[in-house]
Amino acid sequence: MKIKWYGHSAFLITTQNGTRIILDPYQSGAFGGALAYGRIMEAADIVLSSHDHDDHNYVADIKGRFKLINKPGDYKESDVHIEGIPSFHDQSGGAERGQNIIYIIEADDMRVAHLGDLGHILDTGTVKKMGRVDILLIPVGGFYTINPEEAWRIVQDVRPVVTIPMHFKTEKCDFPIAAVEEFIKDKSGVNDTGKTEIDLTRSTLSSIGDVVVLRHAL
């Protein structure tokens, strides 16, 4: 399985069989140019959107005849099993920023959890429903989502093998959110790869690092 980070919360997962899944595609230039990552103009077989905001739902540039999933539920597409679990974009049951979907993507004998714009600590029922998580894609910037401290608490509750932070401030994201350094400072097991993409198998998961930091591809 290959995992490429486009930027923000957007990733491309490519399975060993070649199935291409794009998660939370953003609109380049959204929010008055505050989101300056480049356009996502690659092909996909499946597109997942955690909620209906411009930095997580923009599919107009994506190529190919893809299956769009933007609701909770259980899905089977090709060699991929996907479960969408309802959650919230805030700590007020969605009253401030609305609903959010946690996606569990199962392929290549691995389970990836993408938390979207999660805005609250997970309750035990949700953690149990998520089940085993090998790779956790988690927002860490705060303000619109969980903050670095809350993200670490969720990591401790979910207990993934590998954690990949997302939704943090960069030179191409001028949101009032924290940089990734706030999440990884004073932490051991961090692999700041300097790369935009990693290639993982079940057997190599435990050797890449507890926290893997990627560079944005766009």
C-alpha atoms as a PDB file:
ATOM      1  CA  MET A   1       0.000   0.000   0.000  1.00  0.00           C
ATOM      2  CA  LYS A   2       1.262   3.434  -0.974  1.00  0.00           C
ATOM      3  CA  ILE A   3       0.131   6.528   0.924  1.00  0.00           C
ATOM      4  CA  LYS A   4       0.788   9.952  -0.605  1.00  0.00           C
ATOM      5  CA  TRP A   5      -0.049  13.194   1.177  1.00  0.00           C
ATOM      6  CA  TYR A   6      -1.229  15.916  -1.194  1.00  0.00           C
ATOM      7  CA  GLY A   7      -1.555  18.439   1.638  1.00  0.00           C
ATOM      8  CA  HIS A   8      -4.070  19.430   4.333  1.00  0.00           C
ATOM      9  CA  SER A   9      -6.234  16.294   4.906  1.00  0.00           C
ATOM     10  CA  ALA A  10      -5.980  14.992   1.344  1.00  0.00           C
ATOM     11  CA  PHE A  11      -4.257  11.690   0.622  1.00  0.00           C
ATOM     12  CA  LEU A  12      -3.966   9.170  -2.179  1.00  0.00           C
ATOM     13  CA  ILE A  13      -3.949   5.532  -1.087  1.00  0.00           C
ATOM     14  CA  THR A  14      -2.958   3.030  -3.764  1.00  0.00           C
ATOM     15  CA  THR A  15      -3.459  -0.646  -2.967  1.00  0.00           C
ATOM     16  CA  GLN A  16      -1.235  -3.456  -4.180  1.00  0.00           C
ATOM     17  CA  ASN A  17      -3.892  -4.270  -6.798  1.00  0.00           C
ATOM     18  CA  GLY A  18      -3.783  -0.687  -8.062  1.00  0.00           C
ATOM     19  CA  THR A  19      -7.045   0.623  -6.590  1.00  0.00           C
ATOM     20  CA  ARG A  20      -6.698   4.380  -6.066  1.00  0.00           C
ATOM     21  CA  ILE A  21      -8.516   6.077  -3.179  1.00  0.00           C
ATOM     22  CA  ILE A  22      -8.436   9.852  -2.733  1.00  0.00           C
ATOM     23  CA  LEU A  23      -9.425  11.129   0.706  1.00  0.00           C
ATOM     24  CA  ASP A  24     -10.764  14.598   1.542  1.00  0.00           C
ATOM     25  CA  PRO A  25      -9.760  16.452  -1.642  1.00  0.00           C
ATOM     26  CA  TYR A  26      -9.546  20.230  -1.147  1.00  0.00           C
ATOM     27  CA  GLN A  27     -10.304  23.105  -3.485  1.00  0.00           C
ATOM     28  CA  SER A  28      -7.009  24.757  -4.355  1.00  0.00           C
ATOM     29  CA  GLY A  29      -7.172  28.463  -3.503  1.00  0.00           C
ATOM     30  CA  ALA A  30     -10.184  28.085  -1.220  1.00  0.00           C
ATOM     31  CA  PHE A  31     -10.942  30.516   1.599  1.00  0.00           C
ATOM     32  CA  GLY A  32      -9.625  33.533  -0.259  1.00  0.00           C
ATOM     33  CA  GLY A  33      -6.362  31.809  -1.134  1.00  0.00           C
ATOM     34  CA  ALA A  34      -5.590  30.717   2.424  1.00  0.00           C
ATOM     35  CA  LEU A  35      -5.399  27.130   1.167  1.00  0.00           C
ATOM     36  CA  ALA A  36      -2.715  27.274  -1.510  1.00  0.00           C
ATOM     37  CA  TYR A  37      -1.905  23.610  -2.099  1.00  0.00           C
ATOM     38  CA  GLY A  38      -1.938  22.707  -5.795  1.00  0.00           C
ATOM     39  CA  ARG A  39      -4.889  21.205  -7.641  1.00  0.00           C
ATOM     40  CA  ILE A  40      -5.521  17.465  -7.264  1.00  0.00           C
ATOM     41  CA  MET A  41      -5.781  16.377 -10.901  1.00  0.00           C
ATOM     42  CA  GLU A  42      -5.091  12.655 -10.637  1.00  0.00           C
ATOM     43  CA  ALA A  43      -7.367   9.706 -11.339  1.00  0.00           C
ATOM     44  CA  ALA A  44      -9.222   7.828  -8.620  1.00  0.00           C
ATOM     45  CA  ASP A  45     -11.402   4.760  -8.320  1.00  0.00           C
ATOM     46  CA  ILE A  46     -12.870   5.845  -4.978  1.00  0.00           C
ATOM     47  CA  VAL A  47     -13.139   9.301  -3.394  1.00  0.00           C
ATOM     48  CA  LEU A  48     -13.966   9.763   0.291  1.00  0.00           C
ATOM     49  CA  SER A  49     -15.190  13.053   1.760  1.00  0.00           C
ATOM     50  CA  SER A  50     -15.510  13.424   5.526  1.00  0.00           C
ATOM     51  CA  HIS A  51     -17.771  16.492   5.385  1.00  0.00           C
ATOM     52  CA  ASP A  52     -19.090  19.140   3.042  1.00  0.00           C
ATOM     53  CA  HIS A  53     -16.522  21.931   3.397  1.00  0.00           C
ATOM     54  CA  ASP A  54     -14.440  23.241   0.487  1.00  0.00           C
ATOM     55  CA  ASP A  55     -11.167  21.990   1.948  1.00  0.00           C
ATOM     56  CA  HIS A  56     -12.479  18.402   2.174  1.00  0.00           C
ATOM     57  CA  ASN A  57     -15.028  17.837  -0.608  1.00  0.00           C
ATOM     58  CA  TYR A  58     -13.735  19.204  -3.936  1.00  0.00           C
ATOM     59  CA  VAL A  59     -13.950  16.532  -6.631  1.00  0.00           C
ATOM     60  CA  ALA A  60     -14.169  18.661  -9.804  1.00  0.00           C
ATOM     61  CA  ASP A  61     -10.481  18.239 -10.701  1.00  0.00           C
ATOM     62  CA  ILE A  62     -10.283  14.494 -10.018  1.00  0.00           C
ATOM     63  CA  LYS A  63     -10.093  12.328 -13.114  1.00  0.00           C
ATOM     64  CA  GLY A  64     -11.651   8.965 -13.890  1.00  0.00           C
ATOM     65  CA  ARG A  65     -15.025   7.356 -13.174  1.00  0.00           C
ATOM     66  CA  PHE A  66     -14.832   7.186  -9.415  1.00  0.00           C
ATOM     67  CA  LYS A  67     -17.209   6.124  -6.664  1.00  0.00           C
ATOM     68  CA  LEU A  68     -17.875   9.068  -4.327  1.00  0.00           C
ATOM     69  CA  ILE A  69     -18.533   8.158  -0.697  1.00  0.00           C
ATOM     70  CA  ASN A  70     -19.649  10.982   1.584  1.00  0.00           C
ATOM     71  CA  LYS A  71     -22.038   9.317   4.014  1.00  0.00           C
ATOM     72  CA  PRO A  72     -21.580   6.940   6.952  1.00  0.00           C
ATOM     73  CA  GLY A  73     -22.073   3.290   6.122  1.00  0.00           C
ATOM     74  CA  ASP A  74     -20.432   0.076   5.004  1.00  0.00           C
ATOM     75  CA  TYR A  75     -18.972  -0.140   1.499  1.00  0.00           C
ATOM     76  CA  LYS A  76     -17.147  -2.738  -0.587  1.00  0.00           C
ATOM     77  CA  GLU A  77     -15.396  -1.555  -3.723  1.00  0.00           C
ATOM     78  CA  SER A  78     -12.995  -3.821  -5.598  1.00  0.00           C
ATOM     79  CA  ASP A  79     -10.332  -5.029  -3.122  1.00  0.00           C
ATOM     80  CA  VAL A  80     -11.217  -2.379  -0.526  1.00  0.00           C
ATOM     81  CA  HIS A  81     -13.628  -2.467   2.412  1.00  0.00           C
ATOM     82  CA  ILE A  82     -14.632   0.942   3.771  1.00  0.00           C
ATOM     83  CA  GLU A  83     -16.635   1.839   6.850  1.00  0.00           C
ATOM     84  CA  GLY A  84     -17.828   5.382   7.522  1.00  0.00           C
ATOM     85  CA  ILE A  85     -18.421   6.120  11.199  1.00  0.00           C
ATOM     86  CA  PRO A  86     -20.348   9.262  12.217  1.00  0.00           C
ATOM     87  CA  SER A  87     -18.647  11.847  14.424  1.00  0.00           C
ATOM     88  CA  PHE A  88     -18.596  15.632  14.813  1.00  0.00           C
ATOM     89  CA  HIS A  89     -16.561  18.613  13.613  1.00  0.00           C
ATOM     90  CA  ASP A  90     -16.715  20.228  17.058  1.00  0.00           C
ATOM     91  CA  GLN A  91     -17.204  19.528  20.750  1.00  0.00           C
ATOM     92  CA  SER A  92     -20.896  20.488  20.638  1.00  0.00           C
ATOM     93  CA  GLY A  93     -22.412  17.512  18.832  1.00  0.00           C
ATOM     94  CA  GLY A  94     -22.128  19.283  15.488  1.00  0.00           C
ATOM     95  CA  ALA A  95     -23.904  22.477  16.589  1.00  0.00           C
ATOM     96  CA  GLU A  96     -20.932  24.688  15.617  1.00  0.00           C
ATOM     97  CA  ARG A  97     -19.400  23.056  12.527  1.00  0.00           C
ATOM     98  CA  GLY A  98     -21.598  20.097  11.678  1.00  0.00           C
ATOM     99  CA  GLN A  99     -21.069  16.408  11.120  1.00  0.00           C
ATOM    100  CA  ASN A 100     -17.826  14.567  10.332  1.00  0.00           C
ATOM    101  CA  ILE A 101     -17.139  11.052   9.094  1.00  0.00           C
ATOM    102  CA  ILE A 102     -14.315   8.806  10.274  1.00  0.00           C
ATOM    103  CA  TYR A 103     -13.345   6.381   7.516  1.00  0.00           C
ATOM    104  CA  ILE A 104     -11.828   2.962   8.096  1.00  0.00           C
ATOM    105  CA  ILE A 105     -10.179   1.677   4.908  1.00  0.00           C
ATOM    106  CA  GLU A 106      -9.236  -1.989   4.880  1.00  0.00           C
ATOM    107  CA  ALA A 107      -6.933  -3.274   2.135  1.00  0.00           C
ATOM    108  CA  ASP A 108      -3.692  -5.244   1.787  1.00  0.00           C
ATOM    109  CA  ASP A 109      -4.262  -6.792   5.233  1.00  0.00           C
ATOM    110  CA  MET A 110      -4.040  -3.336   6.841  1.00  0.00           C
ATOM    111  CA  ARG A 111      -6.583  -0.968   8.343  1.00  0.00           C
ATOM    112  CA  VAL A 112      -6.242   2.784   7.827  1.00  0.00           C
ATOM    113  CA  ALA A 113      -8.330   5.286   9.814  1.00  0.00           C
ATOM    114  CA  HIS A 114      -8.821   8.811   8.432  1.00  0.00           C
ATOM    115  CA  LEU A 115     -10.384  11.075  11.057  1.00  0.00           C
ATOM    116  CA  GLY A 116     -11.407  13.928   8.753  1.00  0.00           C
ATOM    117  CA  ASP A 117     -11.982  17.179  10.650  1.00  0.00           C
ATOM    118  CA  LEU A 118     -12.624  15.495  13.979  1.00  0.00           C
ATOM    119  CA  GLY A 119     -13.394  18.082  16.646  1.00  0.00           C
ATOM    120  CA  HIS A 120     -13.692  16.032  19.832  1.00  0.00           C
ATOM    121  CA  ILE A 121     -12.181  13.243  21.894  1.00  0.00           C
ATOM    122  CA  LEU A 122     -13.497   9.837  20.838  1.00  0.00           C
ATOM    123  CA  ASP A 123     -15.799   8.013  23.219  1.00  0.00           C
ATOM    124  CA  THR A 124     -15.153   4.369  24.027  1.00  0.00           C
ATOM    125  CA  GLY A 125     -17.988   3.225  21.779  1.00  0.00           C
ATOM    126  CA  THR A 126     -16.475   4.896  18.726  1.00  0.00           C
ATOM    127  CA  VAL A 127     -13.001   3.567  19.507  1.00  0.00           C
ATOM    128  CA  LYS A 128     -14.460   0.079  19.808  1.00  0.00           C
ATOM    129  CA  LYS A 129     -16.356   0.451  16.532  1.00  0.00           C
ATOM    130  CA  MET A 130     -13.164   1.536  14.760  1.00  0.00           C
ATOM    131  CA  GLY A 131     -11.527  -1.722  15.799  1.00  0.00           C
ATOM    132  CA  ARG A 132      -7.903  -2.432  15.018  1.00  0.00           C
ATOM    133  CA  VAL A 133      -6.149   0.538  13.431  1.00  0.00           C
ATOM    134  CA  ASP A 134      -2.763   0.026  11.822  1.00  0.00           C
ATOM    135  CA  ILE A 135      -2.342   3.487  10.298  1.00  0.00           C
ATOM    136  CA  LEU A 136      -3.992   6.582  11.789  1.00  0.00           C
ATOM    137  CA  LEU A 137      -4.365   9.773   9.723  1.00  0.00           C
ATOM    138  CA  ILE A 138      -5.170  12.400  12.332  1.00  0.00           C
ATOM    139  CA  PRO A 139      -5.689  16.199  12.353  1.00  0.00           C
ATOM    140  CA  VAL A 140      -3.343  17.929  14.780  1.00  0.00           C
ATOM    141  CA  GLY A 141      -3.616  21.680  14.121  1.00  0.00           C
ATOM    142  CA  GLY A 142      -6.416  22.631  16.492  1.00  0.00           C
ATOM    143  CA  PHE A 143      -8.843  25.569  16.202  1.00  0.00           C
ATOM    144  CA  TYR A 144     -11.126  23.862  13.638  1.00  0.00           C
ATOM    145  CA  THR A 145     -10.239  20.357  14.847  1.00  0.00           C
ATOM    146  CA  ILE A 146      -8.689  18.586  17.805  1.00  0.00           C
ATOM    147  CA  ASN A 147      -5.467  20.228  18.999  1.00  0.00           C
ATOM    148  CA  PRO A 148      -2.064  18.527  19.407  1.00  0.00           C
ATOM    149  CA  GLU A 149      -2.736  17.454  23.000  1.00  0.00           C
ATOM    150  CA  GLU A 150      -6.154  16.028  22.136  1.00  0.00           C
ATOM    151  CA  ALA A 151      -4.668  14.276  19.119  1.00  0.00           C
ATOM    152  CA  TRP A 152      -2.118  12.539  21.352  1.00  0.00           C
ATOM    153  CA  ARG A 153      -4.870  11.392  23.672  1.00  0.00           C
ATOM    154  CA  ILE A 154      -6.683   9.837  20.710  1.00  0.00           C
ATOM    155  CA  VAL A 155      -3.464   8.148  19.573  1.00  0.00           C
ATOM    156  CA  GLN A 156      -3.165   6.624  23.046  1.00  0.00           C
ATOM    157  CA  ASP A 157      -6.794   5.449  22.942  1.00  0.00           C
ATOM    158  CA  VAL A 158      -6.730   4.047  19.395  1.00  0.00           C
ATOM    159  CA  ARG A 159      -3.193   2.611  19.653  1.00  0.00           C
ATOM    160  CA  PRO A 160      -2.248   2.521  15.964  1.00  0.00           C
ATOM    161  CA  VAL A 161       1.043   1.064  14.774  1.00  0.00           C
ATOM    162  CA  VAL A 162       1.771   4.191  12.705  1.00  0.00           C
ATOM    163  CA  THR A 163       0.379   7.717  13.082  1.00  0.00           C
ATOM    164  CA  ILE A 164       0.493  10.224  10.213  1.00  0.00           C
ATOM    165  CA  PRO A 165      -0.412  13.819  11.193  1.00  0.00           C
ATOM    166  CA  MET A 166      -2.454  16.033   8.860  1.00  0.00           C
ATOM    167  CA  HIS A 167      -4.401  19.317   8.844  1.00  0.00           C
ATOM    168  CA  PHE A 168      -1.636  21.513  10.228  1.00  0.00           C
ATOM    169  CA  LYS A 169      -0.166  24.868   9.268  1.00  0.00           C
ATOM    170  CA  THR A 170       2.375  24.989   6.429  1.00  0.00           C
ATOM    171  CA  GLU A 171       3.624  27.640   4.025  1.00  0.00           C
ATOM    172  CA  LYS A 172       0.647  26.685   1.827  1.00  0.00           C
ATOM    173  CA  CYS A 173      -1.985  26.673   4.566  1.00  0.00           C
ATOM    174  CA  ASP A 174      -2.594  30.050   6.161  1.00  0.00           C
ATOM    175  CA  PHE A 175      -5.230  28.849   8.615  1.00  0.00           C
ATOM    176  CA  PRO A 176      -4.964  29.856  12.312  1.00  0.00           C
ATOM    177  CA  ILE A 177      -3.810  26.361  13.261  1.00  0.00           C
ATOM    178  CA  ALA A 178      -0.650  24.873  14.756  1.00  0.00           C
ATOM    179  CA  ALA A 179       2.292  23.528  12.766  1.00  0.00           C
ATOM    180  CA  VAL A 180       3.185  19.845  12.967  1.00  0.00           C
ATOM    181  CA  GLU A 181       6.111  20.673  15.266  1.00  0.00           C
ATOM    182  CA  GLU A 182       3.619  21.315  18.073  1.00  0.00           C
ATOM    183  CA  PHE A 183       2.443  17.714  17.747  1.00  0.00           C
ATOM    184  CA  ILE A 184       5.819  15.991  17.504  1.00  0.00           C
ATOM    185  CA  LYS A 185       7.949  18.074  19.884  1.00  0.00           C
ATOM    186  CA  ASP A 186       9.590  16.082  22.687  1.00  0.00           C
ATOM    187  CA  LYS A 187       8.158  12.846  21.267  1.00  0.00           C
ATOM    188  CA  SER A 188      10.176   9.720  20.511  1.00  0.00           C
ATOM    189  CA  GLY A 189       9.685   7.421  17.541  1.00  0.00           C
ATOM    190  CA  VAL A 190       9.164  10.274  15.065  1.00  0.00           C
ATOM    191  CA  ASN A 191      10.264   9.703  11.469  1.00  0.00           C
ATOM    192  CA  ASP A 192      10.349  13.037   9.631  1.00  0.00           C
ATOM    193  CA  THR A 193      10.695  11.407   6.226  1.00  0.00           C
ATOM    194  CA  GLY A 194      11.178  14.436   4.003  1.00  0.00           C
ATOM    195  CA  LYS A 195       9.078  12.485   1.483  1.00  0.00           C
ATOM    196  CA  THR A 196       5.604  12.941   0.058  1.00  0.00           C
ATOM    197  CA  GLU A 197       4.817   9.224  -0.094  1.00  0.00           C
ATOM    198  CA  ILE A 198       5.489   6.014   1.797  1.00  0.00           C
ATOM    199  CA  ASP A 199       5.097   2.383   0.754  1.00  0.00           C
ATOM    200  CA  LEU A 200       3.916   0.078   3.532  1.00  0.00           C
ATOM    201  CA  THR A 201       3.199  -3.610   3.931  1.00  0.00           C
ATOM    202  CA  ARG A 202       1.939  -5.503   6.932  1.00  0.00           C
ATOM    203  CA  SER A 203       5.489  -6.724   7.621  1.00  0.00           C
ATOM    204  CA  THR A 204       7.134  -3.270   7.417  1.00  0.00           C
ATOM    205  CA  LEU A 205       4.599  -1.335   9.503  1.00  0.00           C
ATOM    206  CA  SER A 206       6.434  -1.637  12.795  1.00  0.00           C
ATOM    207  CA  SER A 207       9.798  -0.536  11.395  1.00  0.00           C
ATOM    208  CA  ILE A 208       8.934   2.826   9.824  1.00  0.00           C
ATOM    209  CA  GLY A 209       8.384   4.756  13.080  1.00  0.00           C
ATOM    210  CA  ASP A 210       5.566   5.471  15.506  1.00  0.00           C
ATOM    211  CA  VAL A 211       4.843   8.863  13.927  1.00  0.00           C
ATOM    212  CA  VAL A 212       5.557   9.448  10.244  1.00  0.00           C
ATOM    213  CA  VAL A 213       5.660  13.046   9.001  1.00  0.00           C
ATOM    214  CA  LEU A 214       5.193  13.533   5.259  1.00  0.00           C
ATOM    215  CA  ARG A 215       5.826  16.536   3.012  1.00  0.00           C
ATOM    216  CA  HIS A 216       2.949  17.845   0.925  1.00  0.00           C
ATOM    217  CA  ALA A 217       3.084  16.690  -2.692  1.00  0.00           C
ATOM    218  CA  LEU A 218       1.220  19.719  -4.023  1.00  0.00           C
END
